[in-house]
Amino acid sequence: MIVSDRVGCAKDLVTANNGFIFSYHSATHLQAILETLSSETLLKLGNNAKKLTETHNFEIIVTAIEEEFNNF
């Protein structure tokens, strides 16, 4: 994942293990990130991001919200 610091979930979902957060106001920062990426790095980050989606998908989130409402 490569997202700007304006993406609401960036701090919750993006780590050094699965991607990068770049400054919205800095094309230079985004360019620097892109220039560091290799095929090996992309594969590693992609695999880690995929693992994250296994616990943060729509159905799981909806179920968690429903459970919270049922606990009231």
Protein backbone atom coordinates (compact mmCIF):
# COMPACT_ATOMS: atom_id res chain seq x y z
CA MET A 1 0.00 0.00 0.00
CA ILE A 2 1.17 3.48 -0.81
CA VAL A 3 -1.21 6.10 0.53
CA SER A 4 -1.05 9.76 1.39
CA ASP A 5 -1.24 11.12 4.89
CA ARG A 6 -4.74 12.33 3.98
CA VAL A 7 -6.14 8.78 3.87
CA GLY A 8 -8.12 8.28 7.07
CA CYS A 9 -7.08 4.70 7.74
CA ALA A 10 -3.42 5.19 6.86
CA LYS A 11 -2.12 5.25 10.43
CA ASP A 12 -4.27 2.27 11.38
CA LEU A 13 -3.45 -0.01 8.46
CA VAL A 14 -0.14 0.98 6.87
CA THR A 15 3.08 -0.14 8.54
CA ALA A 16 6.67 -0.55 7.45
CA ASN A 17 5.78 -4.19 6.78
CA ASN A 18 3.06 -3.52 4.21
CA GLY A 19 3.54 -0.12 2.65
CA PHE A 20 4.30 3.57 2.87
CA ILE A 21 2.56 6.78 3.82
CA PHE A 22 3.67 9.82 1.87
CA SER A 23 3.04 13.48 2.49
CA TYR A 24 0.06 14.69 0.45
CA HIS A 25 1.86 17.95 -0.28
CA SER A 26 5.10 16.37 -1.47
CA ALA A 27 5.39 14.78 -4.88
CA THR A 28 9.09 14.48 -4.06
CA HIS A 29 8.30 12.25 -1.08
CA LEU A 30 6.11 9.99 -3.22
CA GLN A 31 8.79 9.87 -5.91
CA ALA A 32 11.43 8.91 -3.34
CA ILE A 33 9.24 6.02 -2.14
CA LEU A 34 8.62 4.79 -5.68
CA GLU A 35 12.33 4.91 -6.49
CA THR A 36 13.15 2.60 -3.56
CA LEU A 37 10.78 -0.16 -4.65
CA SER A 38 12.14 -3.34 -6.13
CA SER A 39 10.29 -6.44 -7.28
CA GLU A 40 11.34 -8.21 -4.09
CA THR A 41 10.12 -5.36 -1.88
CA LEU A 42 6.82 -5.12 -3.74
CA LEU A 43 6.22 -8.85 -3.35
CA LYS A 44 6.97 -8.73 0.39
CA LEU A 45 4.80 -5.67 0.99
CA GLY A 46 2.00 -7.10 -1.15
CA ASN A 47 1.96 -10.39 0.72
CA ASN A 48 1.86 -8.59 4.06
CA ALA A 49 -0.92 -6.29 2.86
CA LYS A 50 -2.91 -9.31 1.69
CA LYS A 51 -2.61 -10.90 5.14
CA LEU A 52 -3.98 -7.70 6.63
CA THR A 53 -7.04 -7.79 4.39
CA GLU A 54 -7.88 -11.20 5.79
CA THR A 55 -8.70 -9.50 9.11
CA HIS A 56 -9.90 -6.13 7.81
CA ASN A 57 -12.48 -6.86 5.15
CA PHE A 58 -16.02 -5.54 4.86
CA GLU A 59 -17.78 -8.61 6.21
CA ILE A 60 -15.55 -8.85 9.27
CA ILE A 61 -16.00 -5.16 10.04
CA VAL A 62 -19.78 -5.35 9.66
CA THR A 63 -19.89 -8.38 11.96
CA ALA A 64 -17.79 -6.56 14.56
CA ILE A 65 -20.08 -3.51 14.43
CA GLU A 66 -23.19 -5.70 14.75
CA GLU A 67 -21.68 -7.47 17.77
CA GLU A 68 -20.93 -4.14 19.43
CA PHE A 69 -24.52 -2.97 18.93
CA ASN A 70 -25.84 -6.26 20.31
CA ASN A 71 -23.73 -5.78 23.45
CA PHE A 72 -25.55 -2.57 24.41
